[in-house]
Amino acid sequence: MGEMIKMVVVLLVLSILSGYSLAYLNDYTKDDIESQELKFVKGPAILDIFDEAENDPINDRFKITDGKVERSFFIGNIGGKPDYVAFESTGIGFGGNLGVMVWVKVSEDQIHGVGVTTHEETAGIGSKAKDDPTFVKQFKGQSINNAFQVKADGGKVDAISGATVTSRGVAAALTDASNIYSRLKPTIVEKMRSHNP
């Protein structure tokens, strides 16, 4: 019996040490991971949709805590004014989660651009949501306050041929972005005013 208690204590100590080690490693590498993710995953989509920006939106960013989630917002200056902001939302496609970056003209609550950042969709079919610019162009100029659905579900979004589930995922991500934006707009505006790039 004493040997059994000894084993349990050893296992407990090892579990606690492992947990603390992993937590420390996570905190230590968090900034590096975020930097790499911005550079190689989100960065290309941000720079693609912010192609008219006169600043570097990746450097000109701020964070807002939204419940338990910390969200990054990227500022875009066009015509010398920081009136544009981009942020990421998610939806579920055929293969899993879809990350969608949405660029909004804040003074008009209008979508100025959309880009898919991450996906697990089928190459050549669902992946067109990221690779085919005509699919994401249909959202430009629409109000961010809309709810988005594909035409097959009674909405206005033209689905990608053969990839309706992926198209629904992008529409759901845009509806999620609409909810995030309406919930956080006062804080977004305040942060944009006080942000000095």
C-alpha atoms as a PDB file:
ATOM      1  CA  MET A   1       0.000   0.000   0.000  1.00  0.00           C
ATOM      2  CA  GLY A   2       2.856   2.392   0.846  1.00  0.00           C
ATOM      3  CA  GLU A   3       4.427   1.707  -2.562  1.00  0.00           C
ATOM      4  CA  MET A   4       1.146   2.627  -4.276  1.00  0.00           C
ATOM      5  CA  ILE A   5       0.935   5.970  -2.435  1.00  0.00           C
ATOM      6  CA  LYS A   6       4.547   6.685  -3.386  1.00  0.00           C
ATOM      7  CA  MET A   7       3.738   6.099  -7.084  1.00  0.00           C
ATOM      8  CA  VAL A   8       0.680   8.358  -6.910  1.00  0.00           C
ATOM      9  CA  VAL A   9       2.723  11.146  -5.273  1.00  0.00           C
ATOM     10  CA  VAL A  10       5.480  10.813  -7.889  1.00  0.00           C
ATOM     11  CA  LEU A  11       2.913  10.933 -10.708  1.00  0.00           C
ATOM     12  CA  LEU A  12       1.233  13.955  -9.139  1.00  0.00           C
ATOM     13  CA  VAL A  13       4.544  15.824  -8.808  1.00  0.00           C
ATOM     14  CA  LEU A  14       5.515  14.974 -12.410  1.00  0.00           C
ATOM     15  CA  SER A  15       2.100  16.135 -13.673  1.00  0.00           C
ATOM     16  CA  ILE A  16       2.372  19.443 -11.816  1.00  0.00           C
ATOM     17  CA  LEU A  17       5.919  20.037 -13.081  1.00  0.00           C
ATOM     18  CA  SER A  18       4.882  19.187 -16.650  1.00  0.00           C
ATOM     19  CA  GLY A  19       1.893  21.517 -16.448  1.00  0.00           C
ATOM     20  CA  TYR A  20       3.993  24.420 -15.191  1.00  0.00           C
ATOM     21  CA  SER A  21       6.669  23.745 -17.805  1.00  0.00           C
ATOM     22  CA  LEU A  22       4.123  23.764 -20.636  1.00  0.00           C
ATOM     23  CA  ALA A  23       2.455  26.921 -19.322  1.00  0.00           C
ATOM     24  CA  TYR A  24       5.845  28.679 -19.096  1.00  0.00           C
ATOM     25  CA  LEU A  25       6.817  27.521 -22.601  1.00  0.00           C
ATOM     26  CA  ASN A  26       3.474  28.738 -23.967  1.00  0.00           C
ATOM     27  CA  ASP A  27       3.931  32.186 -22.381  1.00  0.00           C
ATOM     28  CA  TYR A  28       7.570  32.372 -23.480  1.00  0.00           C
ATOM     29  CA  THR A  29       6.846  31.549 -27.148  1.00  0.00           C
ATOM     30  CA  LYS A  30       3.479  33.358 -27.460  1.00  0.00           C
ATOM     31  CA  ASP A  31       4.909  36.526 -29.057  1.00  0.00           C
ATOM     32  CA  ASP A  32       7.112  34.562 -31.486  1.00  0.00           C
ATOM     33  CA  ILE A  33       4.182  32.386 -32.547  1.00  0.00           C
ATOM     34  CA  GLU A  34       1.983  35.455 -33.088  1.00  0.00           C
ATOM     35  CA  SER A  35       4.741  37.132 -35.113  1.00  0.00           C
ATOM     36  CA  GLN A  36       5.201  34.076 -37.353  1.00  0.00           C
ATOM     37  CA  GLU A  37       1.443  33.679 -37.779  1.00  0.00           C
ATOM     38  CA  LEU A  38       1.135  37.331 -38.795  1.00  0.00           C
ATOM     39  CA  LYS A  39       4.023  37.065 -41.232  1.00  0.00           C
ATOM     40  CA  PHE A  40       3.112  33.814 -42.975  1.00  0.00           C
ATOM     41  CA  VAL A  41      -0.598  33.118 -42.374  1.00  0.00           C
ATOM     42  CA  LYS A  42      -2.605  36.281 -41.752  1.00  0.00           C
ATOM     43  CA  GLY A  43      -0.124  38.798 -43.161  1.00  0.00           C
ATOM     44  CA  PRO A  44      -0.562  37.900 -46.844  1.00  0.00           C
ATOM     45  CA  ALA A  45      -4.370  38.196 -46.562  1.00  0.00           C
ATOM     46  CA  ILE A  46      -4.080  41.483 -44.647  1.00  0.00           C
ATOM     47  CA  LEU A  47      -1.683  42.980 -47.188  1.00  0.00           C
ATOM     48  CA  ASP A  48      -3.809  41.696 -50.063  1.00  0.00           C
ATOM     49  CA  ILE A  49      -7.018  43.330 -48.845  1.00  0.00           C
ATOM     50  CA  PHE A  50      -5.154  46.426 -47.618  1.00  0.00           C
ATOM     51  CA  ASP A  51      -3.499  46.912 -51.007  1.00  0.00           C
ATOM     52  CA  GLU A  52      -4.443  50.618 -51.046  1.00  0.00           C
ATOM     53  CA  ALA A  53      -3.163  51.359 -47.526  1.00  0.00           C
ATOM     54  CA  GLU A  54      -0.509  54.043 -47.143  1.00  0.00           C
ATOM     55  CA  ASN A  55       0.778  52.521 -43.904  1.00  0.00           C
ATOM     56  CA  ASP A  56       1.841  49.076 -42.682  1.00  0.00           C
ATOM     57  CA  PRO A  57      -1.356  47.654 -41.149  1.00  0.00           C
ATOM     58  CA  ILE A  58       0.509  44.716 -39.617  1.00  0.00           C
ATOM     59  CA  ASN A  59       2.595  47.104 -37.501  1.00  0.00           C
ATOM     60  CA  ASP A  60      -0.324  49.478 -36.907  1.00  0.00           C
ATOM     61  CA  ARG A  61      -2.569  47.221 -34.887  1.00  0.00           C
ATOM     62  CA  PHE A  62      -4.228  47.066 -31.507  1.00  0.00           C
ATOM     63  CA  LYS A  63      -5.977  44.419 -29.431  1.00  0.00           C
ATOM     64  CA  ILE A  64      -9.353  44.358 -27.743  1.00  0.00           C
ATOM     65  CA  THR A  65     -10.449  41.777 -25.201  1.00  0.00           C
ATOM     66  CA  ASP A  66     -13.834  40.427 -26.244  1.00  0.00           C
ATOM     67  CA  GLY A  67     -15.082  38.200 -23.435  1.00  0.00           C
ATOM     68  CA  LYS A  68     -12.437  35.485 -23.162  1.00  0.00           C
ATOM     69  CA  VAL A  69     -10.949  36.193 -26.598  1.00  0.00           C
ATOM     70  CA  GLU A  70      -8.270  38.758 -27.404  1.00  0.00           C
ATOM     71  CA  ARG A  71      -8.836  40.081 -30.931  1.00  0.00           C
ATOM     72  CA  SER A  72      -6.329  41.902 -33.123  1.00  0.00           C
ATOM     73  CA  PHE A  73      -7.442  44.847 -35.265  1.00  0.00           C
ATOM     74  CA  PHE A  74      -5.310  46.222 -38.095  1.00  0.00           C
ATOM     75  CA  ILE A  75      -5.563  49.907 -39.030  1.00  0.00           C
ATOM     76  CA  GLY A  76      -5.447  51.058 -42.645  1.00  0.00           C
ATOM     77  CA  ASN A  77      -4.736  54.649 -43.671  1.00  0.00           C
ATOM     78  CA  ILE A  78      -6.104  55.737 -47.037  1.00  0.00           C
ATOM     79  CA  GLY A  79      -6.011  59.376 -48.054  1.00  0.00           C
ATOM     80  CA  GLY A  80      -4.136  60.163 -44.843  1.00  0.00           C
ATOM     81  CA  LYS A  81      -7.021  59.002 -42.644  1.00  0.00           C
ATOM     82  CA  PRO A  82      -7.079  55.934 -40.390  1.00  0.00           C
ATOM     83  CA  ASP A  83     -10.695  55.106 -41.325  1.00  0.00           C
ATOM     84  CA  TYR A  84     -10.239  51.412 -42.107  1.00  0.00           C
ATOM     85  CA  VAL A  85      -9.868  48.421 -39.816  1.00  0.00           C
ATOM     86  CA  ALA A  86      -9.400  44.709 -40.520  1.00  0.00           C
ATOM     87  CA  PHE A  87     -10.009  41.799 -38.171  1.00  0.00           C
ATOM     88  CA  GLU A  88     -10.463  38.048 -38.366  1.00  0.00           C
ATOM     89  CA  SER A  89     -13.557  35.943 -37.791  1.00  0.00           C
ATOM     90  CA  THR A  90     -14.250  32.249 -38.298  1.00  0.00           C
ATOM     91  CA  GLY A  91     -16.765  29.947 -39.914  1.00  0.00           C
ATOM     92  CA  ILE A  92     -16.936  26.216 -40.554  1.00  0.00           C
ATOM     93  CA  GLY A  93     -16.397  24.842 -44.041  1.00  0.00           C
ATOM     94  CA  PHE A  94     -16.426  21.333 -45.474  1.00  0.00           C
ATOM     95  CA  GLY A  95     -12.985  20.418 -44.106  1.00  0.00           C
ATOM     96  CA  GLY A  96     -13.029  22.379 -40.844  1.00  0.00           C
ATOM     97  CA  ASN A  97     -12.532  25.943 -39.654  1.00  0.00           C
ATOM     98  CA  LEU A  98     -12.212  28.863 -42.074  1.00  0.00           C
ATOM     99  CA  GLY A  99     -10.407  32.027 -41.010  1.00  0.00           C
ATOM    100  CA  VAL A 100     -11.722  35.130 -42.765  1.00  0.00           C
ATOM    101  CA  MET A 101     -10.129  38.598 -42.607  1.00  0.00           C
ATOM    102  CA  VAL A 102     -12.658  41.418 -43.053  1.00  0.00           C
ATOM    103  CA  TRP A 103     -11.659  44.988 -43.925  1.00  0.00           C
ATOM    104  CA  VAL A 104     -14.210  47.638 -42.917  1.00  0.00           C
ATOM    105  CA  LYS A 105     -14.501  51.347 -43.677  1.00  0.00           C
ATOM    106  CA  VAL A 106     -15.527  52.412 -40.187  1.00  0.00           C
ATOM    107  CA  SER A 107     -17.140  55.771 -41.049  1.00  0.00           C
ATOM    108  CA  GLU A 108     -19.591  53.999 -43.387  1.00  0.00           C
ATOM    109  CA  ASP A 109     -19.814  50.523 -41.740  1.00  0.00           C
ATOM    110  CA  GLN A 110     -18.999  49.157 -45.191  1.00  0.00           C
ATOM    111  CA  ILE A 111     -16.954  46.103 -46.168  1.00  0.00           C
ATOM    112  CA  HIS A 112     -13.991  47.191 -48.251  1.00  0.00           C
ATOM    113  CA  GLY A 113     -12.374  43.772 -48.658  1.00  0.00           C
ATOM    114  CA  VAL A 114     -12.452  40.137 -47.577  1.00  0.00           C
ATOM    115  CA  GLY A 115      -9.692  37.523 -47.569  1.00  0.00           C
ATOM    116  CA  VAL A 116      -9.590  33.902 -46.425  1.00  0.00           C
ATOM    117  CA  THR A 117      -6.599  33.405 -44.123  1.00  0.00           C
ATOM    118  CA  THR A 118      -6.813  29.719 -43.207  1.00  0.00           C
ATOM    119  CA  HIS A 119      -8.815  26.739 -44.403  1.00  0.00           C
ATOM    120  CA  GLU A 120      -8.797  22.968 -44.662  1.00  0.00           C
ATOM    121  CA  GLU A 121     -10.897  22.777 -47.818  1.00  0.00           C
ATOM    122  CA  THR A 122     -10.480  20.530 -50.850  1.00  0.00           C
ATOM    123  CA  ALA A 123      -7.849  21.796 -53.286  1.00  0.00           C
ATOM    124  CA  GLY A 124      -9.369  23.233 -56.462  1.00  0.00           C
ATOM    125  CA  ILE A 125     -12.910  23.262 -55.059  1.00  0.00           C
ATOM    126  CA  GLY A 126     -13.391  24.705 -51.571  1.00  0.00           C
ATOM    127  CA  SER A 127      -9.940  26.265 -51.680  1.00  0.00           C
ATOM    128  CA  LYS A 128     -11.325  28.656 -54.327  1.00  0.00           C
ATOM    129  CA  ALA A 129     -12.698  30.685 -51.412  1.00  0.00           C
ATOM    130  CA  LYS A 130      -9.094  31.729 -50.820  1.00  0.00           C
ATOM    131  CA  ASP A 131      -7.668  31.492 -54.324  1.00  0.00           C
ATOM    132  CA  ASP A 132     -10.460  32.956 -56.501  1.00  0.00           C
ATOM    133  CA  PRO A 133     -10.698  36.749 -56.161  1.00  0.00           C
ATOM    134  CA  THR A 134     -14.125  36.873 -57.824  1.00  0.00           C
ATOM    135  CA  PHE A 135     -15.708  35.023 -54.903  1.00  0.00           C
ATOM    136  CA  VAL A 136     -14.552  37.498 -52.235  1.00  0.00           C
ATOM    137  CA  LYS A 137     -15.122  40.573 -54.457  1.00  0.00           C
ATOM    138  CA  GLN A 138     -18.889  40.119 -54.127  1.00  0.00           C
ATOM    139  CA  PHE A 139     -18.718  41.316 -50.511  1.00  0.00           C
ATOM    140  CA  LYS A 140     -17.025  44.642 -51.265  1.00  0.00           C
ATOM    141  CA  GLY A 141     -19.344  47.597 -50.702  1.00  0.00           C
ATOM    142  CA  GLN A 142     -21.845  45.660 -48.591  1.00  0.00           C
ATOM    143  CA  SER A 143     -22.795  46.796 -45.114  1.00  0.00           C
ATOM    144  CA  ILE A 144     -20.936  45.012 -42.315  1.00  0.00           C
ATOM    145  CA  ASN A 145     -24.249  45.095 -40.427  1.00  0.00           C
ATOM    146  CA  ASN A 146     -25.811  42.525 -42.789  1.00  0.00           C
ATOM    147  CA  ALA A 147     -26.396  38.875 -42.039  1.00  0.00           C
ATOM    148  CA  PHE A 148     -24.803  36.815 -44.815  1.00  0.00           C
ATOM    149  CA  GLN A 149     -26.241  33.657 -46.403  1.00  0.00           C
ATOM    150  CA  VAL A 150     -25.752  31.863 -49.692  1.00  0.00           C
ATOM    151  CA  LYS A 151     -28.539  32.128 -52.281  1.00  0.00           C
ATOM    152  CA  ALA A 152     -29.511  28.474 -51.716  1.00  0.00           C
ATOM    153  CA  ASP A 153     -30.411  29.463 -48.132  1.00  0.00           C
ATOM    154  CA  GLY A 154     -32.327  32.594 -49.150  1.00  0.00           C
ATOM    155  CA  GLY A 155     -29.402  35.030 -48.991  1.00  0.00           C
ATOM    156  CA  LYS A 156     -27.460  37.035 -51.577  1.00  0.00           C
ATOM    157  CA  VAL A 157     -24.063  35.293 -51.575  1.00  0.00           C
ATOM    158  CA  ASP A 158     -23.130  33.543 -54.829  1.00  0.00           C
ATOM    159  CA  ALA A 159     -21.744  30.176 -53.757  1.00  0.00           C
ATOM    160  CA  ILE A 160     -18.653  28.630 -55.309  1.00  0.00           C
ATOM    161  CA  SER A 161     -19.743  25.945 -57.763  1.00  0.00           C
ATOM    162  CA  GLY A 162     -19.414  22.546 -56.065  1.00  0.00           C
ATOM    163  CA  ALA A 163     -18.438  24.124 -52.743  1.00  0.00           C
ATOM    164  CA  THR A 164     -21.665  25.325 -51.162  1.00  0.00           C
ATOM    165  CA  VAL A 165     -20.549  24.224 -47.677  1.00  0.00           C
ATOM    166  CA  THR A 166     -17.370  26.295 -47.976  1.00  0.00           C
ATOM    167  CA  SER A 167     -19.404  29.270 -49.203  1.00  0.00           C
ATOM    168  CA  ARG A 168     -21.743  28.865 -46.229  1.00  0.00           C
ATOM    169  CA  GLY A 169     -18.697  28.846 -43.948  1.00  0.00           C
ATOM    170  CA  VAL A 170     -17.435  32.144 -45.393  1.00  0.00           C
ATOM    171  CA  ALA A 171     -20.939  33.644 -45.086  1.00  0.00           C
ATOM    172  CA  ALA A 172     -21.114  32.468 -41.462  1.00  0.00           C
ATOM    173  CA  ALA A 173     -17.682  34.007 -40.791  1.00  0.00           C
ATOM    174  CA  LEU A 174     -18.922  37.326 -42.210  1.00  0.00           C
ATOM    175  CA  THR A 175     -22.036  37.182 -40.045  1.00  0.00           C
ATOM    176  CA  ASP A 176     -19.741  36.489 -37.076  1.00  0.00           C
ATOM    177  CA  ALA A 177     -17.637  39.497 -38.134  1.00  0.00           C
ATOM    178  CA  SER A 178     -20.816  41.599 -38.223  1.00  0.00           C
ATOM    179  CA  ASN A 179     -21.609  40.578 -34.642  1.00  0.00           C
ATOM    180  CA  ILE A 180     -18.042  41.267 -33.472  1.00  0.00           C
ATOM    181  CA  TYR A 181     -18.016  44.650 -35.182  1.00  0.00           C
ATOM    182  CA  SER A 182     -21.379  45.824 -33.825  1.00  0.00           C
ATOM    183  CA  ARG A 183     -20.428  44.693 -30.312  1.00  0.00           C
ATOM    184  CA  LEU A 184     -16.981  46.320 -30.328  1.00  0.00           C
ATOM    185  CA  LYS A 185     -17.433  49.341 -32.624  1.00  0.00           C
ATOM    186  CA  PRO A 186     -17.307  52.000 -29.862  1.00  0.00           C
ATOM    187  CA  THR A 187     -14.032  50.527 -28.560  1.00  0.00           C
ATOM    188  CA  ILE A 188     -12.654  50.154 -32.093  1.00  0.00           C
ATOM    189  CA  VAL A 189     -13.358  53.829 -32.844  1.00  0.00           C
ATOM    190  CA  GLU A 190     -11.814  54.925 -29.538  1.00  0.00           C
ATOM    191  CA  LYS A 191      -8.674  52.811 -30.113  1.00  0.00           C
ATOM    192  CA  MET A 192      -8.309  54.080 -33.690  1.00  0.00           C
ATOM    193  CA  ARG A 193      -8.509  57.691 -32.492  1.00  0.00           C
ATOM    194  CA  SER A 194      -5.925  57.169 -29.766  1.00  0.00           C
ATOM    195  CA  HIS A 195      -3.611  54.963 -31.867  1.00  0.00           C
ATOM    196  CA  ASN A 196      -0.518  56.822 -33.059  1.00  0.00           C
ATOM    197  CA  PRO A 197       1.305  54.662 -35.620  1.00  0.00           C
END
